[in-house]
Amino acid sequence: MPQHRLPALLITLLIILLSATVSQAQTPAAGVVRCGNTYFDAPCPGGQPVAADDARSAEQRRQAQQVARRDAALANDLAAERRAREQAANGQRAARIGPAAAAAPQPSAAKSAKSAKSAKTPKTPKPTKAPKQALTKPQLSKGKPLGSG
């Protein structure tokens, strides 16, 4: 890129960045508008302006911030307690619900159970059905009544 075009490019970029910054800094003139059951910061068809000024005193805002900080600290403490309980429970087996499990079968019993399964007699196959015979239409001859040959 030639050297004489560099300052013009920088000035163009600077103007673009400044215009973007100025447009973001502008506040909407409409305030808060209620459109149905939803609130917007821009006007909408049939929207009603809503007074959304913070009427709390400085003392009330300070108290609300203290409550929020205390709640956040409590939530962090509870999360740490839960993680500690999960870490302590790691490796433990789940409790069994229902009747106690039967004692594990002895190895010899397991072998005899396997041999009992293999000693089963195979099922006999079902007999095959005879194919259905095709129905034929009776042959009619001209001028002869049905049933006479």
C-alpha atoms as a PDB file:
ATOM      1  CA  MET A   1       0.000   0.000   0.000  1.00  0.00           C
ATOM      2  CA  PRO A   2       1.442   3.408  -0.888  1.00  0.00           C
ATOM      3  CA  GLN A   3       2.489   5.725   1.966  1.00  0.00           C
ATOM      4  CA  HIS A   4       0.289   8.656   0.890  1.00  0.00           C
ATOM      5  CA  ARG A   5      -2.940   6.617   1.277  1.00  0.00           C
ATOM      6  CA  LEU A   6      -2.224   5.491   4.863  1.00  0.00           C
ATOM      7  CA  PRO A   7      -3.289   8.755   6.626  1.00  0.00           C
ATOM      8  CA  ALA A   8      -6.543   8.881   4.630  1.00  0.00           C
ATOM      9  CA  LEU A   9      -7.341   5.276   5.599  1.00  0.00           C
ATOM     10  CA  LEU A  10      -6.623   5.987   9.266  1.00  0.00           C
ATOM     11  CA  ILE A  11      -8.835   9.065   9.234  1.00  0.00           C
ATOM     12  CA  THR A  12     -11.671   7.085   7.618  1.00  0.00           C
ATOM     13  CA  LEU A  13     -11.405   4.328  10.230  1.00  0.00           C
ATOM     14  CA  LEU A  14     -11.324   6.905  13.039  1.00  0.00           C
ATOM     15  CA  ILE A  15     -14.504   8.552  11.731  1.00  0.00           C
ATOM     16  CA  ILE A  16     -16.284   5.201  11.507  1.00  0.00           C
ATOM     17  CA  LEU A  17     -15.305   4.256  15.060  1.00  0.00           C
ATOM     18  CA  LEU A  18     -16.374   7.629  16.463  1.00  0.00           C
ATOM     19  CA  SER A  19     -19.749   7.524  14.723  1.00  0.00           C
ATOM     20  CA  ALA A  20     -20.391   4.010  16.085  1.00  0.00           C
ATOM     21  CA  THR A  21     -19.457   5.141  19.611  1.00  0.00           C
ATOM     22  CA  VAL A  22     -21.705   8.213  19.449  1.00  0.00           C
ATOM     23  CA  SER A  23     -24.679   6.201  18.190  1.00  0.00           C
ATOM     24  CA  GLN A  24     -24.304   3.727  21.059  1.00  0.00           C
ATOM     25  CA  ALA A  25     -24.087   6.505  23.649  1.00  0.00           C
ATOM     26  CA  GLN A  26     -27.463   7.977  22.709  1.00  0.00           C
ATOM     27  CA  THR A  27     -30.288   7.028  25.056  1.00  0.00           C
ATOM     28  CA  PRO A  28     -33.733   6.183  23.711  1.00  0.00           C
ATOM     29  CA  ALA A  29     -36.182   9.057  24.006  1.00  0.00           C
ATOM     30  CA  ALA A  30     -39.221   6.815  24.523  1.00  0.00           C
ATOM     31  CA  GLY A  31     -38.308   5.581  28.017  1.00  0.00           C
ATOM     32  CA  VAL A  32     -40.050   2.388  29.059  1.00  0.00           C
ATOM     33  CA  VAL A  33     -43.083   1.280  27.050  1.00  0.00           C
ATOM     34  CA  ARG A  34     -45.494  -1.525  27.907  1.00  0.00           C
ATOM     35  CA  CYS A  35     -46.598  -3.546  24.887  1.00  0.00           C
ATOM     36  CA  GLY A  36     -49.127  -6.126  26.077  1.00  0.00           C
ATOM     37  CA  ASN A  37     -47.397  -8.031  28.889  1.00  0.00           C
ATOM     38  CA  THR A  38     -43.875  -7.117  27.785  1.00  0.00           C
ATOM     39  CA  TYR A  39     -41.795  -4.011  28.472  1.00  0.00           C
ATOM     40  CA  PHE A  40     -39.514  -2.394  25.872  1.00  0.00           C
ATOM     41  CA  ASP A  41     -37.220   0.607  25.688  1.00  0.00           C
ATOM     42  CA  ALA A  42     -38.502   1.491  22.211  1.00  0.00           C
ATOM     43  CA  PRO A  43     -42.012   2.475  21.131  1.00  0.00           C
ATOM     44  CA  CYS A  44     -44.334  -0.174  19.764  1.00  0.00           C
ATOM     45  CA  PRO A  45     -47.825  -0.073  18.193  1.00  0.00           C
ATOM     46  CA  GLY A  46     -50.418   0.385  20.932  1.00  0.00           C
ATOM     47  CA  GLY A  47     -47.718   0.686  23.618  1.00  0.00           C
ATOM     48  CA  GLN A  48     -48.327   2.652  26.794  1.00  0.00           C
ATOM     49  CA  PRO A  49     -45.506   4.693  28.388  1.00  0.00           C
ATOM     50  CA  VAL A  50     -44.651   3.553  31.907  1.00  0.00           C
ATOM     51  CA  ALA A  51     -43.014   5.602  34.652  1.00  0.00           C
ATOM     52  CA  ALA A  52     -39.975   3.549  35.601  1.00  0.00           C
ATOM     53  CA  ASP A  53     -38.143   5.993  37.845  1.00  0.00           C
ATOM     54  CA  ASP A  54     -36.371   4.533  40.882  1.00  0.00           C
ATOM     55  CA  ALA A  55     -38.246   6.142  43.772  1.00  0.00           C
ATOM     56  CA  ARG A  56     -36.043   4.574  46.451  1.00  0.00           C
ATOM     57  CA  SER A  57     -33.858   6.715  48.645  1.00  0.00           C
ATOM     58  CA  ALA A  58     -30.079   6.296  48.762  1.00  0.00           C
ATOM     59  CA  GLU A  59     -30.453   4.452  52.090  1.00  0.00           C
ATOM     60  CA  GLN A  60     -32.980   2.012  50.612  1.00  0.00           C
ATOM     61  CA  ARG A  61     -30.691   1.297  47.630  1.00  0.00           C
ATOM     62  CA  ARG A  62     -27.765   0.687  50.011  1.00  0.00           C
ATOM     63  CA  GLN A  63     -29.850  -1.752  52.065  1.00  0.00           C
ATOM     64  CA  ALA A  64     -30.969  -3.595  48.935  1.00  0.00           C
ATOM     65  CA  GLN A  65     -27.339  -3.929  47.803  1.00  0.00           C
ATOM     66  CA  GLN A  66     -26.382  -5.318  51.237  1.00  0.00           C
ATOM     67  CA  VAL A  67     -29.169  -7.900  51.026  1.00  0.00           C
ATOM     68  CA  ALA A  68     -28.027  -8.894  47.538  1.00  0.00           C
ATOM     69  CA  ARG A  69     -24.408  -9.293  48.702  1.00  0.00           C
ATOM     70  CA  ARG A  70     -25.516 -11.336  51.736  1.00  0.00           C
ATOM     71  CA  ASP A  71     -27.681 -13.592  49.533  1.00  0.00           C
ATOM     72  CA  ALA A  72     -24.788 -14.103  47.098  1.00  0.00           C
ATOM     73  CA  ALA A  73     -22.441 -15.036  49.966  1.00  0.00           C
ATOM     74  CA  LEU A  74     -25.027 -17.473  51.355  1.00  0.00           C
ATOM     75  CA  ALA A  75     -25.451 -19.053  47.920  1.00  0.00           C
ATOM     76  CA  ASN A  76     -21.674 -19.487  47.632  1.00  0.00           C
ATOM     77  CA  ASP A  77     -21.540 -21.103  51.099  1.00  0.00           C
ATOM     78  CA  LEU A  78     -24.364 -23.500  50.229  1.00  0.00           C
ATOM     79  CA  ALA A  79     -22.684 -24.435  46.953  1.00  0.00           C
ATOM     80  CA  ALA A  80     -19.399 -25.130  48.767  1.00  0.00           C
ATOM     81  CA  GLU A  81     -21.257 -27.277  51.327  1.00  0.00           C
ATOM     82  CA  ARG A  82     -22.954 -29.238  48.550  1.00  0.00           C
ATOM     83  CA  ARG A  83     -19.650 -29.825  46.760  1.00  0.00           C
ATOM     84  CA  ALA A  84     -18.101 -31.049  50.044  1.00  0.00           C
ATOM     85  CA  ARG A  85     -21.001 -33.509  50.563  1.00  0.00           C
ATOM     86  CA  GLU A  86     -20.682 -34.749  46.977  1.00  0.00           C
ATOM     87  CA  GLN A  87     -16.932 -35.233  47.425  1.00  0.00           C
ATOM     88  CA  ALA A  88     -17.504 -37.165  50.676  1.00  0.00           C
ATOM     89  CA  ALA A  89     -20.110 -39.349  48.984  1.00  0.00           C
ATOM     90  CA  ASN A  90     -17.874 -40.064  46.013  1.00  0.00           C
ATOM     91  CA  GLY A  91     -17.220 -43.796  45.873  1.00  0.00           C
ATOM     92  CA  GLN A  92     -20.166 -44.747  48.062  1.00  0.00           C
ATOM     93  CA  ARG A  93     -22.716 -47.108  46.619  1.00  0.00           C
ATOM     94  CA  ALA A  94     -26.374 -46.246  46.328  1.00  0.00           C
ATOM     95  CA  ALA A  95     -28.709 -47.561  49.019  1.00  0.00           C
ATOM     96  CA  ARG A  96     -30.754 -50.606  48.068  1.00  0.00           C
ATOM     97  CA  ILE A  97     -34.502 -50.258  48.119  1.00  0.00           C
ATOM     98  CA  GLY A  98     -36.492 -53.433  48.560  1.00  0.00           C
ATOM     99  CA  PRO A  99     -35.710 -56.898  49.950  1.00  0.00           C
ATOM    100  CA  ALA A 100     -32.146 -57.840  50.770  1.00  0.00           C
ATOM    101  CA  ALA A 101     -30.191 -59.433  47.954  1.00  0.00           C
ATOM    102  CA  ALA A 102     -29.778 -63.214  48.104  1.00  0.00           C
ATOM    103  CA  ALA A 103     -26.326 -64.556  48.817  1.00  0.00           C
ATOM    104  CA  ALA A 104     -24.139 -64.859  45.749  1.00  0.00           C
ATOM    105  CA  PRO A 105     -24.320 -68.358  44.234  1.00  0.00           C
ATOM    106  CA  GLN A 106     -21.387 -70.660  44.780  1.00  0.00           C
ATOM    107  CA  PRO A 107     -19.172 -71.343  41.751  1.00  0.00           C
ATOM    108  CA  SER A 108     -20.288 -74.995  41.590  1.00  0.00           C
ATOM    109  CA  ALA A 109     -23.921 -73.908  41.628  1.00  0.00           C
ATOM    110  CA  ALA A 110     -23.213 -71.513  38.782  1.00  0.00           C
ATOM    111  CA  LYS A 111     -21.670 -74.305  36.709  1.00  0.00           C
ATOM    112  CA  SER A 112     -24.615 -76.612  37.358  1.00  0.00           C
ATOM    113  CA  ALA A 113     -26.997 -73.822  36.351  1.00  0.00           C
ATOM    114  CA  LYS A 114     -25.122 -73.418  33.063  1.00  0.00           C
ATOM    115  CA  SER A 115     -25.198 -77.134  32.403  1.00  0.00           C
ATOM    116  CA  ALA A 116     -28.916 -77.224  33.210  1.00  0.00           C
ATOM    117  CA  LYS A 117     -29.511 -74.598  30.561  1.00  0.00           C
ATOM    118  CA  SER A 118     -27.513 -76.514  28.003  1.00  0.00           C
ATOM    119  CA  ALA A 119     -29.340 -79.777  28.868  1.00  0.00           C
ATOM    120  CA  LYS A 120     -32.675 -78.375  27.748  1.00  0.00           C
ATOM    121  CA  THR A 121     -34.356 -80.265  24.990  1.00  0.00           C
ATOM    122  CA  PRO A 122     -34.730 -78.249  21.833  1.00  0.00           C
ATOM    123  CA  LYS A 123     -38.209 -77.207  20.840  1.00  0.00           C
ATOM    124  CA  THR A 124     -39.883 -79.243  18.177  1.00  0.00           C
ATOM    125  CA  PRO A 125     -40.708 -77.272  15.070  1.00  0.00           C
ATOM    126  CA  LYS A 126     -44.347 -76.650  14.264  1.00  0.00           C
ATOM    127  CA  PRO A 127     -45.821 -78.798  11.535  1.00  0.00           C
ATOM    128  CA  THR A 128     -46.159 -77.057   8.227  1.00  0.00           C
ATOM    129  CA  LYS A 129     -49.635 -76.260   6.997  1.00  0.00           C
ATOM    130  CA  ALA A 130     -50.892 -77.619   3.735  1.00  0.00           C
ATOM    131  CA  PRO A 131     -51.124 -74.957   1.032  1.00  0.00           C
ATOM    132  CA  LYS A 132     -54.588 -73.606   0.372  1.00  0.00           C
ATOM    133  CA  GLN A 133     -56.166 -74.876  -2.797  1.00  0.00           C
ATOM    134  CA  ALA A 134     -57.113 -72.298  -5.337  1.00  0.00           C
ATOM    135  CA  LEU A 135     -60.827 -71.925  -5.811  1.00  0.00           C
ATOM    136  CA  THR A 136     -61.958 -72.464  -9.348  1.00  0.00           C
ATOM    137  CA  LYS A 137     -64.962 -70.956 -10.994  1.00  0.00           C
ATOM    138  CA  PRO A 138     -67.655 -73.426 -12.070  1.00  0.00           C
ATOM    139  CA  GLN A 139     -67.703 -73.935 -15.791  1.00  0.00           C
ATOM    140  CA  LEU A 140     -70.958 -72.920 -17.333  1.00  0.00           C
ATOM    141  CA  SER A 141     -71.973 -74.277 -20.648  1.00  0.00           C
ATOM    142  CA  LYS A 142     -74.401 -72.507 -22.883  1.00  0.00           C
ATOM    143  CA  GLY A 143     -77.982 -73.419 -22.412  1.00  0.00           C
ATOM    144  CA  LYS A 144     -77.443 -75.980 -19.664  1.00  0.00           C
ATOM    145  CA  PRO A 145     -78.688 -75.346 -16.122  1.00  0.00           C
ATOM    146  CA  LEU A 146     -76.238 -75.303 -13.246  1.00  0.00           C
ATOM    147  CA  GLY A 147     -75.595 -78.631 -11.575  1.00  0.00           C
ATOM    148  CA  SER A 148     -76.265 -80.703 -14.645  1.00  0.00           C
ATOM    149  CA  GLY A 149     -73.132 -82.163 -16.216  1.00  0.00           C
END
